[in-house]
Amino acid sequence: MSSSDFQKANAPPPKLNIVGRRLSKARTLNQEQRDLISAYRQGKLDEEAFQLLLCRDPDLAAWVHQVLETASHDPMTR
């Protein structure tokens, strides 16, 4: 590993730009939202229905955005 690799690893995480939402609110889901996520992950809810739910529930959408944004910066997924 070069010194530049260590500098990258020690760099602060990128800031997320979610307009009008605080990430702290997006981190906690209520039971209904958790059930919807579970149903989607198990294939019981199709993509179109899930997208519609995200349009109607900005807190759930912010949570999904946060999860995807975090995953996109995970070096283990590349």
PDB file of N, CA and C in Angstrom:
ATOM      1  N   MET A   1       0.845  -1.187   0.000  1.00  0.00           N
ATOM      2  CA  MET A   1       0.000   0.000   0.000  1.00  0.00           C
ATOM      3  C   MET A   1       0.880   1.237   0.000  1.00  0.00           C
ATOM      4  N   SER A   2       0.481   2.204  -0.759  1.00  0.00           N
ATOM      5  CA  SER A   2       1.232   3.450  -0.789  1.00  0.00           C
ATOM      6  C   SER A   2       0.685   4.410   0.258  1.00  0.00           C
ATOM      7  N   SER A   3       1.423   5.490   0.484  1.00  0.00           N
ATOM      8  CA  SER A   3       0.962   6.482   1.465  1.00  0.00           C
ATOM      9  C   SER A   3      -0.326   7.151   1.007  1.00  0.00           C
ATOM     10  N   SER A   4      -0.540   7.234  -0.308  1.00  0.00           N
ATOM     11  CA  SER A   4      -1.790   7.844  -0.793  1.00  0.00           C
ATOM     12  C   SER A   4      -3.002   6.979  -0.437  1.00  0.00           C
ATOM     13  N   ASP A   5      -2.807   5.645  -0.373  1.00  0.00           N
ATOM     14  CA  ASP A   5      -3.898   4.762   0.042  1.00  0.00           C
ATOM     15  C   ASP A   5      -4.287   5.030   1.487  1.00  0.00           C
ATOM     16  N   PHE A   6      -3.297   5.266   2.338  1.00  0.00           N
ATOM     17  CA  PHE A   6      -3.573   5.571   3.734  1.00  0.00           C
ATOM     18  C   PHE A   6      -4.264   6.924   3.867  1.00  0.00           C
ATOM     19  N   GLN A   7      -3.886   7.873   3.036  1.00  0.00           N
ATOM     20  CA  GLN A   7      -4.519   9.192   3.087  1.00  0.00           C
ATOM     21  C   GLN A   7      -5.986   9.082   2.684  1.00  0.00           C
ATOM     22  N   LYS A   8      -6.273   8.270   1.683  1.00  0.00           N
ATOM     23  CA  LYS A   8      -7.662   8.074   1.259  1.00  0.00           C
ATOM     24  C   LYS A   8      -8.479   7.425   2.369  1.00  0.00           C
ATOM     25  N   ALA A   9      -7.881   6.449   3.053  1.00  0.00           N
ATOM     26  CA  ALA A   9      -8.599   5.746   4.123  1.00  0.00           C
ATOM     27  C   ALA A   9      -8.877   6.657   5.307  1.00  0.00           C
ATOM     28  N   ASN A  10      -8.024   7.625   5.543  1.00  0.00           N
ATOM     29  CA  ASN A  10      -8.194   8.531   6.675  1.00  0.00           C
ATOM     30  C   ASN A  10      -8.980   9.789   6.324  1.00  0.00           C
ATOM     31  N   ALA A  11      -9.374   9.923   5.073  1.00  0.00           N
ATOM     32  CA  ALA A  11     -10.134  11.102   4.648  1.00  0.00           C
ATOM     33  C   ALA A  11     -11.513  11.072   5.286  1.00  0.00           C
ATOM     34  N   PRO A  12     -12.073  12.241   5.584  1.00  0.00           N
ATOM     35  CA  PRO A  12     -13.424  12.265   6.160  1.00  0.00           C
ATOM     36  C   PRO A  12     -14.434  11.747   5.147  1.00  0.00           C
ATOM     37  N   PRO A  13     -15.534  11.157   5.618  1.00  0.00           N
ATOM     38  CA  PRO A  13     -16.538  10.642   4.691  1.00  0.00           C
ATOM     39  C   PRO A  13     -17.177  11.794   3.916  1.00  0.00           C
ATOM     40  N   PRO A  14     -17.606  11.530   2.699  1.00  0.00           N
ATOM     41  CA  PRO A  14     -18.247  12.589   1.923  1.00  0.00           C
ATOM     42  C   PRO A  14     -19.554  13.026   2.569  1.00  0.00           C
ATOM     43  N   LYS A  15     -19.876  14.294   2.383  1.00  0.00           N
ATOM     44  CA  LYS A  15     -21.124  14.821   2.938  1.00  0.00           C
ATOM     45  C   LYS A  15     -22.278  14.482   2.013  1.00  0.00           C
ATOM     46  N   LEU A  16     -23.395  14.110   2.612  1.00  0.00           N
ATOM     47  CA  LEU A  16     -24.590  13.813   1.840  1.00  0.00           C
ATOM     48  C   LEU A  16     -25.413  15.079   1.686  1.00  0.00           C
ATOM     49  N   ASN A  17     -25.942  15.286   0.512  1.00  0.00           N
ATOM     50  CA  ASN A  17     -26.770  16.459   0.271  1.00  0.00           C
ATOM     51  C   ASN A  17     -28.224  16.039   0.141  1.00  0.00           C
ATOM     52  N   ILE A  18     -28.920  16.034   1.250  1.00  0.00           N
ATOM     53  CA  ILE A  18     -30.352  15.743   1.240  1.00  0.00           C
ATOM     54  C   ILE A  18     -31.062  17.033   1.629  1.00  0.00           C
ATOM     55  N   VAL A  19     -31.688  17.628   0.651  1.00  0.00           N
ATOM     56  CA  VAL A  19     -32.325  18.919   0.854  1.00  0.00           C
ATOM     57  C   VAL A  19     -33.557  18.765   1.731  1.00  0.00           C
ATOM     58  N   GLY A  20     -33.623  19.547   2.791  1.00  0.00           N
ATOM     59  CA  GLY A  20     -34.801  19.586   3.631  1.00  0.00           C
ATOM     60  C   GLY A  20     -34.958  18.413   4.588  1.00  0.00           C
ATOM     61  N   ARG A  21     -33.983  17.532   4.650  1.00  0.00           N
ATOM     62  CA  ARG A  21     -34.070  16.370   5.540  1.00  0.00           C
ATOM     63  C   ARG A  21     -32.807  16.276   6.363  1.00  0.00           C
ATOM     64  N   ARG A  22     -32.952  15.908   7.602  1.00  0.00           N
ATOM     65  CA  ARG A  22     -31.799  15.642   8.457  1.00  0.00           C
ATOM     66  C   ARG A  22     -31.583  14.142   8.475  1.00  0.00           C
ATOM     67  N   LEU A  23     -30.334  13.722   8.354  1.00  0.00           N
ATOM     68  CA  LEU A  23     -30.057  12.294   8.327  1.00  0.00           C
ATOM     69  C   LEU A  23     -30.447  11.617   9.631  1.00  0.00           C
ATOM     70  N   SER A  24     -30.365  12.344  10.731  1.00  0.00           N
ATOM     71  CA  SER A  24     -30.715  11.725  12.006  1.00  0.00           C
ATOM     72  C   SER A  24     -32.176  11.267  12.005  1.00  0.00           C
ATOM     73  N   LYS A  25     -33.036  12.005  11.334  1.00  0.00           N
ATOM     74  CA  LYS A  25     -34.432  11.582  11.229  1.00  0.00           C
ATOM     75  C   LYS A  25     -34.575  10.380  10.305  1.00  0.00           C
ATOM     76  N   ALA A  26     -33.723  10.326   9.285  1.00  0.00           N
ATOM     77  CA  ALA A  26     -33.831   9.260   8.300  1.00  0.00           C
ATOM     78  C   ALA A  26     -33.335   7.923   8.838  1.00  0.00           C
ATOM     79  N   ARG A  27     -32.589   7.923   9.914  1.00  0.00           N
ATOM     80  CA  ARG A  27     -31.986   6.688  10.416  1.00  0.00           C
ATOM     81  C   ARG A  27     -32.971   5.797  11.162  1.00  0.00           C
ATOM     82  N   THR A  28     -34.051   6.325  11.647  1.00  0.00           N
ATOM     83  CA  THR A  28     -34.997   5.532  12.429  1.00  0.00           C
ATOM     84  C   THR A  28     -36.290   5.356  11.642  1.00  0.00           C
ATOM     85  N   LEU A  29     -36.652   4.103  11.438  1.00  0.00           N
ATOM     86  CA  LEU A  29     -37.900   3.805  10.739  1.00  0.00           C
ATOM     87  C   LEU A  29     -38.919   3.294  11.735  1.00  0.00           C
ATOM     88  N   ASN A  30     -40.185   3.586  11.457  1.00  0.00           N
ATOM     89  CA  ASN A  30     -41.230   3.011  12.307  1.00  0.00           C
ATOM     90  C   ASN A  30     -41.504   1.574  11.847  1.00  0.00           C
ATOM     91  N   GLN A  31     -42.333   0.860  12.572  1.00  0.00           N
ATOM     92  CA  GLN A  31     -42.577  -0.555  12.284  1.00  0.00           C
ATOM     93  C   GLN A  31     -43.163  -0.759  10.892  1.00  0.00           C
ATOM     94  N   GLU A  32     -44.085   0.080  10.496  1.00  0.00           N
ATOM     95  CA  GLU A  32     -44.689  -0.053   9.166  1.00  0.00           C
ATOM     96  C   GLU A  32     -43.637   0.101   8.072  1.00  0.00           C
ATOM     97  N   GLN A  33     -42.740   1.089   8.231  1.00  0.00           N
ATOM     98  CA  GLN A  33     -41.680   1.297   7.245  1.00  0.00           C
ATOM     99  C   GLN A  33     -40.726   0.103   7.211  1.00  0.00           C
ATOM    100  N   ARG A  34     -40.385  -0.434   8.384  1.00  0.00           N
ATOM    101  CA  ARG A  34     -39.512  -1.615   8.436  1.00  0.00           C
ATOM    102  C   ARG A  34     -40.172  -2.811   7.748  1.00  0.00           C
ATOM    103  N   ASP A  35     -41.478  -2.956   7.945  1.00  0.00           N
ATOM    104  CA  ASP A  35     -42.210  -4.046   7.299  1.00  0.00           C
ATOM    105  C   ASP A  35     -42.201  -3.891   5.774  1.00  0.00           C
ATOM    106  N   LEU A  36     -42.338  -2.661   5.292  1.00  0.00           N
ATOM    107  CA  LEU A  36     -42.309  -2.405   3.849  1.00  0.00           C
ATOM    108  C   LEU A  36     -40.932  -2.729   3.265  1.00  0.00           C
ATOM    109  N   ILE A  37     -39.886  -2.333   3.957  1.00  0.00           N
ATOM    110  CA  ILE A  37     -38.525  -2.640   3.508  1.00  0.00           C
ATOM    111  C   ILE A  37     -38.331  -4.152   3.473  1.00  0.00           C
ATOM    112  N   SER A  38     -38.780  -4.823   4.498  1.00  0.00           N
ATOM    113  CA  SER A  38     -38.661  -6.277   4.565  1.00  0.00           C
ATOM    114  C   SER A  38     -39.417  -6.941   3.414  1.00  0.00           C
ATOM    115  N   ALA A  39     -40.632  -6.485   3.163  1.00  0.00           N
ATOM    116  CA  ALA A  39     -41.435  -7.044   2.067  1.00  0.00           C
ATOM    117  C   ALA A  39     -40.746  -6.823   0.724  1.00  0.00           C
ATOM    118  N   TYR A  40     -40.171  -5.651   0.525  1.00  0.00           N
ATOM    119  CA  TYR A  40     -39.464  -5.361  -0.725  1.00  0.00           C
ATOM    120  C   TYR A  40     -38.243  -6.276  -0.866  1.00  0.00           C
ATOM    121  N   ARG A  41     -37.482  -6.425   0.192  1.00  0.00           N
ATOM    122  CA  ARG A  41     -36.278  -7.264   0.149  1.00  0.00           C
ATOM    123  C   ARG A  41     -36.618  -8.736  -0.097  1.00  0.00           C
ATOM    124  N   GLN A  42     -37.792  -9.167   0.351  1.00  0.00           N
ATOM    125  CA  GLN A  42     -38.215 -10.558   0.169  1.00  0.00           C
ATOM    126  C   GLN A  42     -38.934 -10.774  -1.165  1.00  0.00           C
ATOM    127  N   GLY A  43     -39.094  -9.713  -1.949  1.00  0.00           N
ATOM    128  CA  GLY A  43     -39.741  -9.838  -3.245  1.00  0.00           C
ATOM    129  C   GLY A  43     -41.259  -9.830  -3.183  1.00  0.00           C
ATOM    130  N   LYS A  44     -41.822  -9.487  -2.037  1.00  0.00           N
ATOM    131  CA  LYS A  44     -43.277  -9.448  -1.883  1.00  0.00           C
ATOM    132  C   LYS A  44     -43.867  -8.121  -2.365  1.00  0.00           C
ATOM    133  N   LEU A  45     -43.004  -7.172  -2.644  1.00  0.00           N
ATOM    134  CA  LEU A  45     -43.409  -5.840  -3.103  1.00  0.00           C
ATOM    135  C   LEU A  45     -42.589  -5.538  -4.351  1.00  0.00           C
ATOM    136  N   ASP A  46     -43.259  -5.281  -5.481  1.00  0.00           N
ATOM    137  CA  ASP A  46     -42.505  -5.050  -6.706  1.00  0.00           C
ATOM    138  C   ASP A  46     -41.916  -3.639  -6.749  1.00  0.00           C
ATOM    139  N   GLU A  47     -41.045  -3.421  -7.708  1.00  0.00           N
ATOM    140  CA  GLU A  47     -40.305  -2.157  -7.827  1.00  0.00           C
ATOM    141  C   GLU A  47     -41.237  -0.961  -7.992  1.00  0.00           C
ATOM    142  N   GLU A  48     -42.244  -1.089  -8.829  1.00  0.00           N
ATOM    143  CA  GLU A  48     -43.167   0.015  -9.076  1.00  0.00           C
ATOM    144  C   GLU A  48     -43.901   0.430  -7.796  1.00  0.00           C
ATOM    145  N   ALA A  49     -44.390  -0.540  -7.056  1.00  0.00           N
ATOM    146  CA  ALA A  49     -45.094  -0.245  -5.801  1.00  0.00           C
ATOM    147  C   ALA A  49     -44.140   0.385  -4.785  1.00  0.00           C
ATOM    148  N   PHE A  50     -42.904  -0.115  -4.740  1.00  0.00           N
ATOM    149  CA  PHE A  50     -41.922   0.429  -3.806  1.00  0.00           C
ATOM    150  C   PHE A  50     -41.589   1.879  -4.155  1.00  0.00           C
ATOM    151  N   GLN A  51     -41.408   2.163  -5.431  1.00  0.00           N
ATOM    152  CA  GLN A  51     -41.120   3.531  -5.863  1.00  0.00           C
ATOM    153  C   GLN A  51     -42.281   4.471  -5.516  1.00  0.00           C
ATOM    154  N   LEU A  52     -43.493   3.991  -5.655  1.00  0.00           N
ATOM    155  CA  LEU A  52     -44.665   4.788  -5.302  1.00  0.00           C
ATOM    156  C   LEU A  52     -44.668   5.101  -3.802  1.00  0.00           C
ATOM    157  N   LEU A  53     -44.322   4.096  -2.997  1.00  0.00           N
ATOM    158  CA  LEU A  53     -44.230   4.319  -1.546  1.00  0.00           C
ATOM    159  C   LEU A  53     -43.166   5.362  -1.214  1.00  0.00           C
ATOM    160  N   LEU A  54     -42.042   5.305  -1.915  1.00  0.00           N
ATOM    161  CA  LEU A  54     -40.981   6.283  -1.677  1.00  0.00           C
ATOM    162  C   LEU A  54     -41.431   7.701  -2.031  1.00  0.00           C
ATOM    163  N   CYS A  55     -42.246   7.814  -3.055  1.00  0.00           N
ATOM    164  CA  CYS A  55     -42.777   9.138  -3.438  1.00  0.00           C
ATOM    165  C   CYS A  55     -43.724   9.679  -2.370  1.00  0.00           C
ATOM    166  N   ARG A  56     -44.439   8.792  -1.712  1.00  0.00           N
ATOM    167  CA  ARG A  56     -45.437   9.209  -0.719  1.00  0.00           C
ATOM    168  C   ARG A  56     -44.874   9.356   0.694  1.00  0.00           C
ATOM    169  N   ASP A  57     -43.708   8.773   0.953  1.00  0.00           N
ATOM    170  CA  ASP A  57     -43.126   8.792   2.297  1.00  0.00           C
ATOM    171  C   ASP A  57     -41.705   9.362   2.236  1.00  0.00           C
ATOM    172  N   PRO A  58     -41.559  10.674   2.433  1.00  0.00           N
ATOM    173  CA  PRO A  58     -40.229  11.298   2.318  1.00  0.00           C
ATOM    174  C   PRO A  58     -39.228  10.794   3.363  1.00  0.00           C
ATOM    175  N   ASP A  59     -39.688  10.377   4.529  1.00  0.00           N
ATOM    176  CA  ASP A  59     -38.763   9.847   5.532  1.00  0.00           C
ATOM    177  C   ASP A  59     -38.195   8.490   5.095  1.00  0.00           C
ATOM    178  N   LEU A  60     -39.052   7.643   4.537  1.00  0.00           N
ATOM    179  CA  LEU A  60     -38.598   6.362   4.021  1.00  0.00           C
ATOM    180  C   LEU A  60     -37.650   6.575   2.837  1.00  0.00           C
ATOM    181  N   ALA A  61     -37.995   7.513   1.973  1.00  0.00           N
ATOM    182  CA  ALA A  61     -37.139   7.824   0.833  1.00  0.00           C
ATOM    183  C   ALA A  61     -35.764   8.322   1.290  1.00  0.00           C
ATOM    184  N   ALA A  62     -35.737   9.149   2.315  1.00  0.00           N
ATOM    185  CA  ALA A  62     -34.464   9.649   2.844  1.00  0.00           C
ATOM    186  C   ALA A  62     -33.639   8.506   3.420  1.00  0.00           C
ATOM    187  N   TRP A  63     -34.285   7.568   4.088  1.00  0.00           N
ATOM    188  CA  TRP A  63     -33.578   6.416   4.647  1.00  0.00           C
ATOM    189  C   TRP A  63     -32.969   5.567   3.535  1.00  0.00           C
ATOM    190  N   VAL A  64     -33.758   5.284   2.501  1.00  0.00           N
ATOM    191  CA  VAL A  64     -33.276   4.494   1.366  1.00  0.00           C
ATOM    192  C   VAL A  64     -32.113   5.224   0.694  1.00  0.00           C
ATOM    193  N   HIS A  65     -32.250   6.526   0.513  1.00  0.00           N
ATOM    194  CA  HIS A  65     -31.182   7.321  -0.092  1.00  0.00           C
ATOM    195  C   HIS A  65     -29.909   7.211   0.744  1.00  0.00           C
ATOM    196  N   GLN A  66     -30.057   7.311   2.046  1.00  0.00           N
ATOM    197  CA  GLN A  66     -28.902   7.231   2.942  1.00  0.00           C
ATOM    198  C   GLN A  66     -28.226   5.857   2.827  1.00  0.00           C
ATOM    199  N   VAL A  67     -29.000   4.799   2.813  1.00  0.00           N
ATOM    200  CA  VAL A  67     -28.447   3.451   2.715  1.00  0.00           C
ATOM    201  C   VAL A  67     -27.707   3.279   1.391  1.00  0.00           C
ATOM    202  N   LEU A  68     -28.319   3.719   0.301  1.00  0.00           N
ATOM    203  CA  LEU A  68     -27.676   3.579  -1.011  1.00  0.00           C
ATOM    204  C   LEU A  68     -26.431   4.447  -1.126  1.00  0.00           C
ATOM    205  N   GLU A  69     -26.493   5.642  -0.598  1.00  0.00           N
ATOM    206  CA  GLU A  69     -25.328   6.548  -0.632  1.00  0.00           C
ATOM    207  C   GLU A  69     -24.176   5.961   0.178  1.00  0.00           C
ATOM    208  N   THR A  70     -24.474   5.424   1.325  1.00  0.00           N
ATOM    209  CA  THR A  70     -23.437   4.808   2.160  1.00  0.00           C
ATOM    210  C   THR A  70     -22.833   3.602   1.446  1.00  0.00           C
ATOM    211  N   ALA A  71     -23.679   2.782   0.846  1.00  0.00           N
ATOM    212  CA  ALA A  71     -23.191   1.599   0.139  1.00  0.00           C
ATOM    213  C   ALA A  71     -22.332   1.973  -1.062  1.00  0.00           C
ATOM    214  N   SER A  72     -22.641   3.084  -1.710  1.00  0.00           N
ATOM    215  CA  SER A  72     -21.870   3.485  -2.888  1.00  0.00           C
ATOM    216  C   SER A  72     -20.463   3.935  -2.533  1.00  0.00           C
ATOM    217  N   HIS A  73     -20.228   4.262  -1.261  1.00  0.00           N
ATOM    218  CA  HIS A  73     -18.895   4.683  -0.830  1.00  0.00           C
ATOM    219  C   HIS A  73     -18.153   3.580  -0.095  1.00  0.00           C
ATOM    220  N   ASP A  74     -18.724   2.401  -0.028  1.00  0.00           N
ATOM    221  CA  ASP A  74     -18.100   1.278   0.665  1.00  0.00           C
ATOM    222  C   ASP A  74     -17.038   0.658  -0.238  1.00  0.00           C
ATOM    223  N   PRO A  75     -15.783   0.700   0.153  1.00  0.00           N
ATOM    224  CA  PRO A  75     -14.728   0.155  -0.706  1.00  0.00           C
ATOM    225  C   PRO A  75     -14.839  -1.363  -0.914  1.00  0.00           C
ATOM    226  N   MET A  76     -15.549  -2.049  -0.042  1.00  0.00           N
ATOM    227  CA  MET A  76     -15.694  -3.500  -0.166  1.00  0.00           C
ATOM    228  C   MET A  76     -16.669  -3.879  -1.279  1.00  0.00           C
ATOM    229  N   THR A  77     -17.479  -2.944  -1.759  1.00  0.00           N
ATOM    230  CA  THR A  77     -18.450  -3.253  -2.814  1.00  0.00           C
ATOM    231  C   THR A  77     -17.900  -2.987  -4.203  1.00  0.00           C
ATOM    232  N   ARG A  78     -16.678  -2.551  -4.289  1.00  0.00           N
ATOM    233  CA  ARG A  78     -16.093  -2.244  -5.617  1.00  0.00           C
ATOM    234  C   ARG A  78     -15.236  -3.354  -6.118  1.00  0.00           C
TER     235      ARG A  78
END
